[in-house]
Amino acid sequence: MDSKSLARASTPAAPIALQQGRSLSDSDLAALAASSPAAAYVRSLTTDAGRASTIQAISLAADHLAPQFLPLSRGRGRGGNGALRFTLACTLPWHTLQADRLAELRASLVRSGAAAATTNKVLAAVKGVLQQCWQQGSLDGDSFARARASLKSVRGSTLPKGRHLPKVEVARLFRAISKTPNPAAARDAALLALLCIGLRRAEVAGLRVTDYDRANGRLVVRGKGGKERAVWLTNGAKSAVEDWLEIRGEAVSEWLLLQVNKGGKIVPAGITPQSVYAALLKRAEQAGLGVSPHDFRRTFIGEALTAGVDVVTVQHLAGHASPTTTARYDRRGDEIKKSAMAVVSVPYLPSAV
């Protein structure tokens, strides 16, 4: 089925996410999933981050499969139209896609100049949707097998994003926070300390009071896929969290980090991953720096490797499934590579001439 036919075959859009500037809730996805394998696949994912990136990937696939069927992408989150785009993408007849059309999708993504990682994310999302079609009985096994063969991953690599943060910049951030001694500053200092020990922002937001053993500094972290790991708070990280706990007091809430209203009063409600991001941006602006939450994770991994911690131990502390993934986070730059080269001695002797 060609692009025009695919768009014509779409079912009427559900009136769920047609408003500009709103996000899809789980109830929205449930309503869409009743008639859409794309929404059913997204709803089967276990993390908010996985759902968000897959929604974008499916919408991007729809852009290439049925050009001009979706409105152009305008921003992200509440300021964008991602919910509208995905709602319309859900109406496409995904089960009718043939192997040749899927091969064209793959080629179109490559021709567009999309990074290999982006292309593979889109192809994986489409595979997930087609698997949902097969599970629902709208796609037979042979067609599903041919479709999967047409969506093989592409090879390629790009320069890694993000950077390794110098210690002086991290110190500037903590200094900027210390200039405003109030509950929000204490909470943000603890938040920053947790990012510094390699936690993802969703992991920071998801910490409970009972996850932390104050006696020995052990902290239980729930990572991607619900996998738990243990890390230990020491030195400044432990002090920052302990100081926040003293200010937090016995607030009736299971969450470790709580909201603080504009009047400086602690609200017994947890924070979100987006709140972690917003707090960091606010403090980075105060310090005159440009950083991202994941830069702290990259820095933690680089610092641990520089200190001589073996990569497998760092892998477990970071919550990675493979040490290969951990190695990709290393952003220490050319100086550390130069130091490593200096370890190797070349026994050169100049000639008599």
Protein backbone atom coordinates (compact mmCIF):
# COMPACT_ATOMS: atom_id res chain seq x y z
CA MET A 1 0.00 0.00 0.00
CA ASP A 2 1.45 3.39 -1.03
CA SER A 3 1.50 6.56 1.05
CA LYS A 4 -1.77 8.01 -0.24
CA SER A 5 -3.61 4.72 0.07
CA LEU A 6 -2.31 4.24 3.58
CA ALA A 7 -3.56 7.67 4.63
CA ARG A 8 -6.96 7.09 2.97
CA ALA A 9 -7.34 3.77 4.75
CA SER A 10 -6.91 5.34 8.18
CA THR A 11 -9.83 5.22 10.59
CA PRO A 12 -11.33 8.40 12.03
CA ALA A 13 -9.14 9.92 14.74
CA ALA A 14 -10.28 9.36 18.30
CA PRO A 15 -11.16 12.70 19.96
CA ILE A 16 -8.70 12.09 22.79
CA ALA A 17 -5.50 14.03 22.26
CA LEU A 18 -6.55 16.56 19.64
CA GLN A 19 -5.97 19.51 21.93
CA GLN A 20 -2.70 21.33 21.46
CA GLY A 21 -0.42 21.31 24.48
CA ARG A 22 -1.50 18.24 26.42
CA SER A 23 0.10 14.92 27.19
CA LEU A 24 -1.28 11.42 26.80
CA SER A 25 -2.38 9.84 30.06
CA ASP A 26 -2.61 6.11 30.67
CA SER A 27 -6.40 6.36 30.31
CA ASP A 28 -5.91 8.06 26.93
CA LEU A 29 -3.65 5.21 25.82
CA ALA A 30 -6.14 2.65 27.09
CA ALA A 31 -8.92 4.23 25.03
CA LEU A 32 -6.72 4.36 21.93
CA ALA A 33 -5.49 0.79 22.49
CA ALA A 34 -9.03 -0.52 22.09
CA SER A 35 -8.74 0.02 18.34
CA SER A 36 -5.04 0.69 17.72
CA PRO A 37 -2.16 -1.81 17.90
CA ALA A 38 0.26 1.14 18.04
CA ALA A 39 -1.30 2.42 21.26
CA ALA A 40 -1.54 -1.12 22.63
CA TYR A 41 2.18 -1.60 22.06
CA VAL A 42 3.07 1.69 23.77
CA ARG A 43 0.85 0.79 26.70
CA SER A 44 2.69 -2.51 27.11
CA LEU A 45 5.95 -0.66 27.86
CA THR A 46 6.86 -0.35 31.51
CA THR A 47 8.62 3.02 31.80
CA ASP A 48 7.44 6.56 31.09
CA ALA A 49 10.66 7.31 29.23
CA GLY A 50 10.22 4.23 27.04
CA ARG A 51 6.65 5.19 26.26
CA ALA A 52 7.58 8.78 25.40
CA SER A 53 10.43 7.84 23.05
CA THR A 54 8.32 5.12 21.36
CA ILE A 55 5.44 7.56 20.81
CA GLN A 56 7.87 9.87 19.03
CA ALA A 57 9.32 6.97 17.02
CA ILE A 58 5.90 5.77 15.85
CA SER A 59 4.93 9.30 14.84
CA LEU A 60 8.18 9.65 12.89
CA ALA A 61 7.48 6.35 11.13
CA ALA A 62 4.04 7.68 10.18
CA ASP A 63 5.70 10.79 8.71
CA HIS A 64 7.65 8.58 6.32
CA LEU A 65 4.89 6.06 5.61
CA ALA A 66 2.17 8.64 4.93
CA PRO A 67 3.79 12.04 4.25
CA GLN A 68 1.70 15.07 5.20
CA PHE A 69 -0.88 12.93 7.03
CA LEU A 70 0.38 14.16 10.39
CA PRO A 71 0.87 17.85 11.21
CA LEU A 72 4.47 18.99 11.46
CA SER A 73 6.05 18.41 14.85
CA ARG A 74 5.92 21.53 17.03
CA GLY A 75 7.82 21.32 20.28
CA ARG A 76 7.68 18.71 23.02
CA GLY A 77 5.77 18.12 26.21
CA ARG A 78 2.86 20.37 27.08
CA GLY A 79 4.02 22.99 24.62
CA GLY A 80 4.00 20.67 21.63
CA ASN A 81 1.60 18.64 19.51
CA GLY A 82 3.10 15.20 20.12
CA ALA A 83 -0.17 13.83 21.54
CA LEU A 84 -2.10 14.94 18.47
CA ARG A 85 0.47 13.46 16.10
CA PHE A 86 0.47 10.11 17.87
CA THR A 87 -3.33 9.98 18.04
CA LEU A 88 -3.47 10.38 14.26
CA ALA A 89 -0.64 7.85 13.77
CA CYS A 90 -2.72 5.34 15.73
CA THR A 91 -5.43 5.51 13.07
CA LEU A 92 -3.16 4.18 10.31
CA PRO A 93 -3.83 0.54 9.25
CA TRP A 94 -0.50 -0.84 10.45
CA HIS A 95 -1.52 -4.45 9.81
CA THR A 96 -1.72 -3.76 6.05
CA LEU A 97 1.95 -2.82 5.70
CA GLN A 98 3.75 -5.18 3.33
CA ALA A 99 7.45 -6.08 3.35
CA ASP A 100 8.25 -3.86 0.35
CA ARG A 101 6.60 -0.83 1.99
CA LEU A 102 8.55 -1.43 5.17
CA ALA A 103 11.80 -1.69 3.19
CA GLU A 104 10.92 1.71 1.70
CA LEU A 105 10.42 3.07 5.22
CA ARG A 106 13.90 1.92 6.19
CA ALA A 107 15.42 3.44 3.05
CA SER A 108 13.50 6.69 3.55
CA LEU A 109 14.84 7.08 7.08
CA VAL A 110 18.40 6.52 5.88
CA ARG A 111 17.98 9.00 3.00
CA SER A 112 16.60 11.63 5.37
CA GLY A 113 19.94 11.68 7.18
CA ALA A 114 18.53 10.40 10.47
CA ALA A 115 21.18 9.07 12.83
CA ALA A 116 21.56 5.30 12.95
CA ALA A 117 20.29 5.25 16.55
CA THR A 118 17.17 7.21 15.57
CA THR A 119 16.52 5.00 12.55
CA ASN A 120 16.89 1.84 14.61
CA LYS A 121 14.59 3.23 17.30
CA VAL A 122 11.90 3.83 14.67
CA LEU A 123 12.36 0.38 13.12
CA ALA A 124 12.18 -1.26 16.55
CA ALA A 125 8.97 0.64 17.34
CA VAL A 126 7.37 -0.48 14.07
CA LYS A 127 8.40 -4.08 14.81
CA GLY A 128 6.67 -3.76 18.18
CA VAL A 129 3.49 -2.47 16.56
CA LEU A 130 3.50 -5.28 13.98
CA GLN A 131 4.06 -7.85 16.73
CA GLN A 132 1.00 -6.43 18.46
CA CYS A 133 -0.93 -6.83 15.18
CA TRP A 134 0.19 -10.47 15.03
CA GLN A 135 -0.80 -11.09 18.64
CA GLN A 136 -4.22 -9.57 18.00
CA GLY A 137 -4.71 -11.78 14.95
CA SER A 138 -4.82 -9.04 12.31
CA LEU A 139 -1.47 -10.13 10.82
CA ASP A 140 -0.56 -13.71 9.93
CA GLY A 141 2.73 -15.30 10.95
CA ASP A 142 4.29 -15.40 7.47
CA SER A 143 3.58 -11.71 6.84
CA PHE A 144 4.95 -10.83 10.25
CA ALA A 145 8.17 -12.77 9.58
CA ARG A 146 8.65 -11.04 6.21
CA ALA A 147 7.97 -7.67 7.79
CA ARG A 148 10.58 -8.23 10.50
CA ALA A 149 13.15 -9.22 7.87
CA SER A 150 12.52 -5.92 6.06
CA LEU A 151 13.19 -3.91 9.20
CA LYS A 152 16.75 -4.99 9.90
CA SER A 153 18.84 -2.50 11.84
CA VAL A 154 21.18 -0.08 10.11
CA ARG A 155 24.81 0.34 11.03
CA GLY A 156 26.53 3.55 11.81
CA SER A 157 27.73 5.69 14.66
CA THR A 158 27.82 9.35 15.58
CA LEU A 159 29.94 11.33 17.97
CA PRO A 160 28.65 10.78 21.51
CA LYS A 161 26.47 13.51 23.01
CA GLY A 162 26.97 15.14 26.37
CA ARG A 163 30.15 15.91 28.22
CA HIS A 164 32.26 15.19 31.27
CA LEU A 165 31.71 17.92 33.87
CA PRO A 166 34.85 19.43 35.45
CA LYS A 167 34.80 19.40 39.25
CA VAL A 168 34.92 23.19 39.31
CA GLU A 169 31.56 23.37 37.49
CA VAL A 170 29.89 20.92 39.85
CA ALA A 171 31.23 22.96 42.78
CA ARG A 172 29.76 26.12 41.21
CA LEU A 173 26.36 24.48 41.11
CA PHE A 174 26.47 23.57 44.79
CA ARG A 175 27.67 27.09 45.65
CA ALA A 176 24.77 28.60 43.71
CA ILE A 177 22.33 26.45 45.67
CA SER A 178 23.93 27.27 49.03
CA LYS A 179 23.31 31.01 48.49
CA THR A 180 19.56 30.45 48.94
CA PRO A 181 19.18 28.64 52.29
CA ASN A 182 15.58 27.39 52.20
CA PRO A 183 13.83 24.00 51.95
CA ALA A 184 13.83 24.09 48.14
CA ALA A 185 17.59 24.69 48.10
CA ALA A 186 18.21 21.81 50.52
CA ARG A 187 16.07 19.52 48.41
CA ASP A 188 17.82 20.60 45.21
CA ALA A 189 21.23 20.04 46.79
CA ALA A 190 20.19 16.47 47.66
CA LEU A 191 18.78 16.06 44.16
CA LEU A 192 22.05 17.25 42.63
CA ALA A 193 24.08 14.97 44.91
CA LEU A 194 22.03 11.97 43.75
CA LEU A 195 22.63 12.89 40.12
CA CYS A 196 26.35 13.15 40.89
CA ILE A 197 26.46 9.51 42.01
CA GLY A 198 25.11 8.36 38.66
CA LEU A 199 21.35 8.12 39.15
CA ARG A 200 18.98 8.79 36.28
CA ARG A 201 16.47 11.58 36.90
CA ALA A 202 13.56 9.11 36.92
CA GLU A 203 15.44 7.10 39.54
CA VAL A 204 15.95 10.22 41.67
CA ALA A 205 12.25 11.09 41.50
CA GLY A 206 11.25 7.52 42.36
CA LEU A 207 13.23 7.19 45.60
CA ARG A 208 11.29 6.38 48.75
CA VAL A 209 12.27 7.14 52.33
CA THR A 210 12.48 3.42 53.05
CA ASP A 211 15.00 2.96 50.23
CA TYR A 212 17.68 4.69 52.29
CA ASP A 213 19.42 3.11 55.28
CA ARG A 214 20.82 6.03 57.25
CA ALA A 215 23.00 3.75 59.38
CA ASN A 216 25.27 2.58 56.56
CA GLY A 217 24.35 4.87 53.65
CA ARG A 218 22.90 2.07 51.51
CA LEU A 219 20.38 3.27 48.94
CA VAL A 220 18.13 0.98 46.88
CA VAL A 221 17.53 2.34 43.38
CA ARG A 222 14.87 1.11 40.97
CA GLY A 223 16.13 1.43 37.41
CA LYS A 224 14.82 0.62 33.96
CA GLY A 225 12.56 -2.38 33.73
CA GLY A 226 11.99 -2.37 37.49
CA LYS A 227 15.51 -3.68 38.16
CA GLU A 228 16.81 -2.84 41.62
CA ARG A 229 20.41 -2.10 42.53
CA ALA A 230 22.19 -0.86 45.62
CA VAL A 231 24.50 2.14 45.80
CA TRP A 232 26.10 3.77 48.84
CA LEU A 233 26.04 7.42 49.82
CA THR A 234 29.39 8.67 51.10
CA ASN A 235 31.08 12.03 51.79
CA GLY A 236 29.24 15.00 50.26
CA ALA A 237 26.41 12.94 48.78
CA LYS A 238 25.54 11.49 52.20
CA SER A 239 25.79 14.90 53.86
CA ALA A 240 23.47 16.52 51.29
CA VAL A 241 20.80 13.84 51.67
CA GLU A 242 21.09 13.82 55.49
CA ASP A 243 20.71 17.62 55.61
CA TRP A 244 17.59 17.40 53.45
CA LEU A 245 16.13 14.67 55.66
CA GLU A 246 16.56 16.88 58.72
CA ILE A 247 14.65 19.69 57.00
CA ARG A 248 12.10 17.29 55.50
CA GLY A 249 11.31 15.97 58.96
CA GLU A 250 8.50 13.50 59.45
CA ALA A 251 6.37 14.65 56.51
CA VAL A 252 3.66 12.07 55.86
CA SER A 253 4.81 10.81 52.49
CA GLU A 254 6.60 7.74 51.21
CA TRP A 255 8.77 9.77 48.82
CA LEU A 256 12.29 10.85 49.71
CA LEU A 257 12.26 14.11 47.74
CA LEU A 258 9.15 16.25 48.15
CA GLN A 259 7.64 19.28 46.50
CA VAL A 260 8.23 22.74 47.98
CA ASN A 261 5.70 25.47 47.21
CA LYS A 262 6.52 29.08 46.36
CA GLY A 263 6.14 30.06 50.00
CA GLY A 264 8.92 27.64 50.97
CA LYS A 265 6.56 25.15 52.60
CA ILE A 266 7.22 21.43 52.09
CA VAL A 267 4.31 19.67 50.42
CA PRO A 268 3.95 15.92 51.20
CA ALA A 269 3.90 14.91 47.55
CA GLY A 270 6.65 13.41 45.42
CA ILE A 271 8.40 15.06 42.50
CA THR A 272 8.49 13.94 38.86
CA PRO A 273 11.44 13.31 36.51
CA GLN A 274 10.48 16.56 34.76
CA SER A 275 10.70 18.35 38.12
CA VAL A 276 14.26 17.04 38.50
CA TYR A 277 15.11 18.43 35.08
CA ALA A 278 13.49 21.81 35.81
CA ALA A 279 15.27 22.13 39.17
CA LEU A 280 18.63 21.40 37.58
CA LEU A 281 18.05 23.94 34.79
CA LYS A 282 17.13 26.57 37.37
CA ARG A 283 20.27 25.95 39.43
CA ALA A 284 22.47 25.75 36.34
CA GLU A 285 21.16 29.12 35.20
CA GLN A 286 21.97 30.59 38.60
CA ALA A 287 25.51 29.24 38.26
CA GLY A 288 25.86 30.38 34.65
CA LEU A 289 26.35 26.85 33.33
CA GLY A 290 24.89 24.66 30.63
CA VAL A 291 24.40 21.07 31.83
CA SER A 292 21.98 18.18 31.43
CA PRO A 293 20.97 15.56 34.02
CA HIS A 294 22.71 12.83 32.05
CA ASP A 295 26.00 14.75 32.06
CA PHE A 296 26.29 13.91 35.77
CA ARG A 297 25.81 10.23 35.00
CA ARG A 298 28.52 10.39 32.34
CA THR A 299 30.79 12.22 34.77
CA PHE A 300 30.23 9.67 37.54
CA ILE A 301 31.20 6.84 35.20
CA GLY A 302 34.28 8.67 33.94
CA GLU A 303 35.43 9.60 37.45
CA ALA A 304 34.99 6.03 38.68
CA LEU A 305 36.99 4.63 35.77
CA THR A 306 39.72 7.22 36.30
CA ALA A 307 39.93 6.21 39.96
CA GLY A 308 40.66 2.64 38.87
CA VAL A 309 37.26 1.06 39.56
CA ASP A 310 36.84 -1.85 37.15
CA VAL A 311 34.23 -1.42 34.41
CA VAL A 312 32.06 -4.31 35.63
CA THR A 313 31.68 -2.72 39.07
CA VAL A 314 30.89 0.65 37.47
CA GLN A 315 28.36 -1.13 35.25
CA HIS A 316 26.52 -2.49 38.29
CA LEU A 317 26.59 0.85 40.11
CA ALA A 318 25.20 2.62 37.03
CA GLY A 319 22.54 -0.02 36.43
CA HIS A 320 23.63 -0.92 32.92
CA ALA A 321 22.85 -4.30 31.38
CA SER A 322 26.26 -4.48 29.71
CA PRO A 323 29.75 -3.06 30.34
CA THR A 324 29.72 -2.04 26.67
CA THR A 325 26.98 0.46 27.47
CA THR A 326 29.00 1.74 30.43
CA ALA A 327 32.04 2.29 28.23
CA ARG A 328 29.97 4.40 25.82
CA TYR A 329 29.28 6.84 28.66
CA ASP A 330 32.95 7.73 29.05
CA ARG A 331 33.42 11.42 28.14
CA ARG A 332 36.77 12.08 29.81
CA GLY A 333 38.29 13.41 26.61
CA ASP A 334 41.72 13.30 25.04
CA GLU A 335 43.76 13.98 28.18
CA ILE A 336 42.85 10.66 29.79
CA LYS A 337 43.61 8.87 26.53
CA LYS A 338 46.95 10.65 26.32
CA SER A 339 47.75 9.56 29.89
CA ALA A 340 46.85 5.99 29.00
CA MET A 341 49.19 6.06 26.01
CA ALA A 342 52.01 7.31 28.23
CA VAL A 343 51.83 4.06 30.19
CA VAL A 344 53.18 2.17 27.18
CA SER A 345 56.95 2.53 26.85
CA VAL A 346 58.57 2.36 23.42
CA PRO A 347 62.29 1.43 23.80
CA TYR A 348 63.50 3.67 20.98
CA LEU A 349 67.26 4.30 20.57
CA PRO A 350 68.57 7.01 18.23
CA SER A 351 70.90 5.85 15.50
CA ALA A 352 74.61 6.56 15.65
CA VAL A 353 74.23 8.92 12.71
